[in-house]
Amino acid sequence: ADEQVGWIAHEVLHIALRHAQRMQAWRTRRGEVDERLFNLCADAVVHGALAHLRWLRLPDGALRLDELLDKVLGIAMPLDEALRLWDVERLY
């Protein structure tokens, strides 16, 4: 049940942050979009935003924004700062 709530919150936040529309806008401005990579970036933002909610369980293997920044780009920063400074477009 906690994981189902996590999945629902995950999808609702994608909708609230307009990730599908933002990917389409990126495609319009820049051309080709790696949809899988864009979605991974969007997921990292979503998981970071939901990480503080202890009443839900994120999907297994959910990578948060701060973890992605550290592991992939070598940028270590607290999650709250990462969420202020990075959005899906910047991360992509």
N, C-alpha and C. Protein backbone atom coordinates (compact mmCIF):
# COMPACT_ATOMS: atom_id res chain seq x y z
N ALA A 1 0.82 -1.20 0.00
CA ALA A 1 0.00 0.00 0.00
C ALA A 1 0.86 1.26 0.00
N ASP A 2 1.93 1.29 0.82
CA ASP A 2 2.80 2.47 0.86
C ASP A 2 3.49 2.69 -0.49
N GLU A 3 3.85 1.59 -1.15
CA GLU A 3 4.48 1.72 -2.46
C GLU A 3 3.49 2.20 -3.51
N GLN A 4 2.24 1.76 -3.43
CA GLN A 4 1.21 2.24 -4.36
C GLN A 4 1.01 3.74 -4.20
N VAL A 5 0.98 4.20 -2.96
CA VAL A 5 0.86 5.64 -2.70
C VAL A 5 2.06 6.36 -3.31
N GLY A 6 3.24 5.76 -3.16
CA GLY A 6 4.44 6.35 -3.74
C GLY A 6 4.36 6.47 -5.25
N TRP A 7 3.86 5.42 -5.91
CA TRP A 7 3.71 5.47 -7.37
C TRP A 7 2.71 6.54 -7.79
N ILE A 8 1.61 6.62 -7.07
CA ILE A 8 0.60 7.64 -7.40
C ILE A 8 1.17 9.04 -7.21
N ALA A 9 1.85 9.27 -6.09
CA ALA A 9 2.47 10.57 -5.84
C ALA A 9 3.50 10.88 -6.92
N HIS A 10 4.27 9.89 -7.31
CA HIS A 10 5.26 10.03 -8.37
C HIS A 10 4.60 10.54 -9.67
N GLU A 11 3.54 9.86 -10.09
CA GLU A 11 2.87 10.24 -11.34
C GLU A 11 2.17 11.59 -11.23
N VAL A 12 1.54 11.86 -10.09
CA VAL A 12 0.88 13.15 -9.90
C VAL A 12 1.89 14.29 -9.96
N LEU A 13 3.04 14.09 -9.38
CA LEU A 13 4.06 15.15 -9.40
C LEU A 13 4.59 15.37 -10.82
N HIS A 14 4.74 14.30 -11.60
CA HIS A 14 5.10 14.49 -13.02
C HIS A 14 4.07 15.38 -13.72
N ILE A 15 2.80 15.12 -13.44
CA ILE A 15 1.74 15.93 -14.05
C ILE A 15 1.81 17.37 -13.55
N ALA A 16 1.94 17.54 -12.24
CA ALA A 16 1.97 18.89 -11.65
C ALA A 16 3.16 19.69 -12.16
N LEU A 17 4.29 19.03 -12.37
CA LEU A 17 5.49 19.72 -12.87
C LEU A 17 5.51 19.80 -14.39
N ARG A 18 4.48 19.28 -15.04
CA ARG A 18 4.30 19.37 -16.49
C ARG A 18 5.48 18.79 -17.26
N HIS A 19 5.99 17.66 -16.79
CA HIS A 19 7.17 17.09 -17.43
C HIS A 19 6.92 16.69 -18.88
N ALA A 20 5.77 16.14 -19.20
CA ALA A 20 5.48 15.75 -20.59
C ALA A 20 5.44 16.98 -21.50
N GLN A 21 4.79 18.04 -21.03
CA GLN A 21 4.70 19.26 -21.82
C GLN A 21 6.08 19.93 -21.95
N ARG A 22 6.88 19.85 -20.90
CA ARG A 22 8.21 20.44 -20.94
C ARG A 22 9.12 19.68 -21.90
N MET A 23 8.96 18.35 -21.96
CA MET A 23 9.74 17.58 -22.92
C MET A 23 9.33 17.96 -24.35
N GLN A 24 8.05 18.13 -24.58
CA GLN A 24 7.59 18.53 -25.91
C GLN A 24 8.10 19.92 -26.27
N ALA A 25 8.10 20.83 -25.31
CA ALA A 25 8.62 22.18 -25.56
C ALA A 25 10.11 22.12 -25.88
N TRP A 26 10.85 21.26 -25.17
CA TRP A 26 12.27 21.09 -25.44
C TRP A 26 12.46 20.59 -26.88
N ARG A 27 11.64 19.61 -27.26
CA ARG A 27 11.71 19.06 -28.61
C ARG A 27 11.44 20.14 -29.65
N THR A 28 10.47 20.99 -29.40
CA THR A 28 10.13 22.07 -30.32
C THR A 28 11.29 23.06 -30.46
N ARG A 29 11.92 23.39 -29.33
CA ARG A 29 13.03 24.36 -29.35
C ARG A 29 14.32 23.78 -29.87
N ARG A 30 14.63 22.54 -29.48
CA ARG A 30 15.96 21.98 -29.71
C ARG A 30 16.00 20.83 -30.70
N GLY A 31 14.86 20.28 -31.07
CA GLY A 31 14.86 19.13 -31.97
C GLY A 31 14.77 17.83 -31.20
N GLU A 32 15.58 16.88 -31.59
CA GLU A 32 15.55 15.53 -31.04
C GLU A 32 15.69 15.52 -29.52
N VAL A 33 14.91 14.66 -28.86
CA VAL A 33 14.97 14.48 -27.41
C VAL A 33 15.15 12.99 -27.12
N ASP A 34 16.09 12.68 -26.26
CA ASP A 34 16.23 11.31 -25.77
C ASP A 34 15.19 11.16 -24.66
N GLU A 35 14.05 10.58 -25.01
CA GLU A 35 12.92 10.52 -24.07
C GLU A 35 13.27 9.74 -22.82
N ARG A 36 14.04 8.68 -22.96
CA ARG A 36 14.42 7.87 -21.79
C ARG A 36 15.28 8.70 -20.83
N LEU A 37 16.25 9.42 -21.36
CA LEU A 37 17.12 10.25 -20.53
C LEU A 37 16.33 11.39 -19.89
N PHE A 38 15.46 12.04 -20.66
CA PHE A 38 14.65 13.13 -20.12
C PHE A 38 13.79 12.61 -18.98
N ASN A 39 13.20 11.42 -19.15
CA ASN A 39 12.36 10.84 -18.10
C ASN A 39 13.17 10.48 -16.86
N LEU A 40 14.39 9.96 -17.05
CA LEU A 40 15.26 9.67 -15.90
C LEU A 40 15.57 10.95 -15.12
N CYS A 41 15.82 12.02 -15.84
CA CYS A 41 16.07 13.31 -15.18
C CYS A 41 14.83 13.78 -14.44
N ALA A 42 13.67 13.66 -15.08
CA ALA A 42 12.41 14.05 -14.44
C ALA A 42 12.14 13.19 -13.21
N ASP A 43 12.41 11.88 -13.31
CA ASP A 43 12.23 11.00 -12.16
C ASP A 43 13.12 11.41 -11.00
N ALA A 44 14.37 11.78 -11.27
CA ALA A 44 15.28 12.19 -10.20
C ALA A 44 14.75 13.42 -9.47
N VAL A 45 14.18 14.36 -10.22
CA VAL A 45 13.59 15.55 -9.61
C VAL A 45 12.38 15.15 -8.76
N VAL A 46 11.51 14.33 -9.32
CA VAL A 46 10.31 13.88 -8.60
C VAL A 46 10.70 13.13 -7.32
N HIS A 47 11.62 12.20 -7.43
CA HIS A 47 12.02 11.42 -6.25
C HIS A 47 12.65 12.30 -5.19
N GLY A 48 13.42 13.29 -5.63
CA GLY A 48 13.99 14.24 -4.67
C GLY A 48 12.92 15.03 -3.94
N ALA A 49 11.91 15.44 -4.70
CA ALA A 49 10.83 16.23 -4.10
C ALA A 49 9.98 15.41 -3.14
N LEU A 50 9.89 14.12 -3.36
CA LEU A 50 9.05 13.25 -2.52
C LEU A 50 9.83 12.60 -1.37
N ALA A 51 11.13 12.71 -1.39
CA ALA A 51 11.99 11.95 -0.46
C ALA A 51 11.68 12.23 1.01
N HIS A 52 11.22 13.43 1.33
CA HIS A 52 10.98 13.78 2.74
C HIS A 52 9.66 13.24 3.28
N LEU A 53 8.82 12.71 2.42
CA LEU A 53 7.52 12.20 2.83
C LEU A 53 7.66 10.77 3.34
N ARG A 54 7.67 10.61 4.62
CA ARG A 54 7.89 9.30 5.23
C ARG A 54 6.67 8.39 5.17
N TRP A 55 5.51 8.94 4.80
CA TRP A 55 4.29 8.14 4.77
C TRP A 55 4.10 7.43 3.43
N LEU A 56 5.05 7.62 2.50
CA LEU A 56 4.98 6.87 1.27
C LEU A 56 6.33 6.22 0.99
N ARG A 57 6.32 5.23 0.14
CA ARG A 57 7.55 4.52 -0.20
C ARG A 57 7.83 4.73 -1.68
N LEU A 58 9.01 5.25 -1.97
CA LEU A 58 9.41 5.44 -3.36
C LEU A 58 9.68 4.08 -4.00
N PRO A 59 9.57 4.01 -5.31
CA PRO A 59 9.86 2.74 -5.99
C PRO A 59 11.29 2.27 -5.69
N ASP A 60 11.47 0.96 -5.63
CA ASP A 60 12.80 0.41 -5.41
C ASP A 60 13.75 0.93 -6.48
N GLY A 61 14.94 1.34 -6.06
CA GLY A 61 15.93 1.86 -6.99
C GLY A 61 15.71 3.30 -7.41
N ALA A 62 14.75 3.98 -6.79
CA ALA A 62 14.47 5.37 -7.14
C ALA A 62 15.69 6.23 -6.83
N LEU A 63 16.20 6.90 -7.85
CA LEU A 63 17.38 7.75 -7.70
C LEU A 63 16.93 9.19 -7.49
N ARG A 64 17.35 9.78 -6.38
CA ARG A 64 16.99 11.17 -6.07
C ARG A 64 17.93 12.12 -6.81
N LEU A 65 17.49 13.35 -6.96
CA LEU A 65 18.26 14.37 -7.65
C LEU A 65 19.66 14.53 -7.05
N ASP A 66 19.75 14.63 -5.74
CA ASP A 66 21.07 14.83 -5.12
C ASP A 66 21.99 13.64 -5.38
N GLU A 67 21.44 12.43 -5.39
CA GLU A 67 22.24 11.24 -5.66
C GLU A 67 22.72 11.23 -7.11
N LEU A 68 21.84 11.59 -8.03
CA LEU A 68 22.20 11.62 -9.44
C LEU A 68 23.30 12.65 -9.69
N LEU A 69 23.14 13.83 -9.11
CA LEU A 69 24.16 14.86 -9.27
C LEU A 69 25.52 14.37 -8.78
N ASP A 70 25.52 13.72 -7.65
CA ASP A 70 26.77 13.23 -7.07
C ASP A 70 27.38 12.10 -7.89
N LYS A 71 26.57 11.10 -8.23
CA LYS A 71 27.07 9.91 -8.93
C LYS A 71 27.46 10.19 -10.38
N VAL A 72 26.70 11.02 -11.07
CA VAL A 72 26.92 11.21 -12.50
C VAL A 72 27.78 12.44 -12.79
N LEU A 73 27.54 13.52 -12.08
CA LEU A 73 28.25 14.77 -12.38
C LEU A 73 29.32 15.11 -11.35
N GLY A 74 29.38 14.35 -10.26
CA GLY A 74 30.37 14.64 -9.23
C GLY A 74 30.09 15.92 -8.47
N ILE A 75 28.81 16.30 -8.42
CA ILE A 75 28.40 17.51 -7.70
C ILE A 75 27.69 17.09 -6.42
N ALA A 76 28.33 17.34 -5.28
CA ALA A 76 27.73 16.99 -3.99
C ALA A 76 27.05 18.22 -3.41
N MET A 77 25.78 18.09 -3.13
CA MET A 77 25.04 19.18 -2.49
C MET A 77 23.82 18.61 -1.79
N PRO A 78 23.37 19.30 -0.75
CA PRO A 78 22.16 18.85 -0.04
C PRO A 78 20.96 18.83 -0.98
N LEU A 79 20.04 17.93 -0.71
CA LEU A 79 18.87 17.76 -1.56
C LEU A 79 18.07 19.05 -1.69
N ASP A 80 17.84 19.76 -0.61
CA ASP A 80 17.03 20.98 -0.70
C ASP A 80 17.68 22.00 -1.62
N GLU A 81 18.99 22.12 -1.58
CA GLU A 81 19.70 23.04 -2.48
C GLU A 81 19.61 22.56 -3.92
N ALA A 82 19.77 21.26 -4.13
CA ALA A 82 19.68 20.69 -5.47
C ALA A 82 18.30 20.97 -6.08
N LEU A 83 17.25 20.82 -5.28
CA LEU A 83 15.90 21.07 -5.78
C LEU A 83 15.68 22.55 -6.12
N ARG A 84 16.36 23.44 -5.42
CA ARG A 84 16.25 24.86 -5.75
C ARG A 84 17.00 25.21 -7.03
N LEU A 85 18.12 24.55 -7.27
CA LEU A 85 19.01 24.94 -8.36
C LEU A 85 18.82 24.16 -9.66
N TRP A 86 18.26 22.97 -9.58
CA TRP A 86 18.18 22.11 -10.76
C TRP A 86 16.73 21.78 -11.09
N ASP A 87 16.38 21.93 -12.36
CA ASP A 87 15.09 21.46 -12.85
C ASP A 87 15.38 20.43 -13.93
N VAL A 88 14.34 19.86 -14.49
CA VAL A 88 14.53 18.78 -15.45
C VAL A 88 15.32 19.24 -16.68
N GLU A 89 15.07 20.45 -17.16
CA GLU A 89 15.79 20.92 -18.35
C GLU A 89 17.28 21.11 -18.07
N ARG A 90 17.60 21.69 -16.96
CA ARG A 90 19.01 21.90 -16.62
C ARG A 90 19.73 20.56 -16.44
N LEU A 91 19.05 19.63 -15.81
CA LEU A 91 19.64 18.32 -15.59
C LEU A 91 19.81 17.58 -16.91
N TYR A 92 18.84 17.65 -17.76
CA TYR A 92 18.90 16.99 -19.06
C TYR A 92 20.05 17.57 -19.88
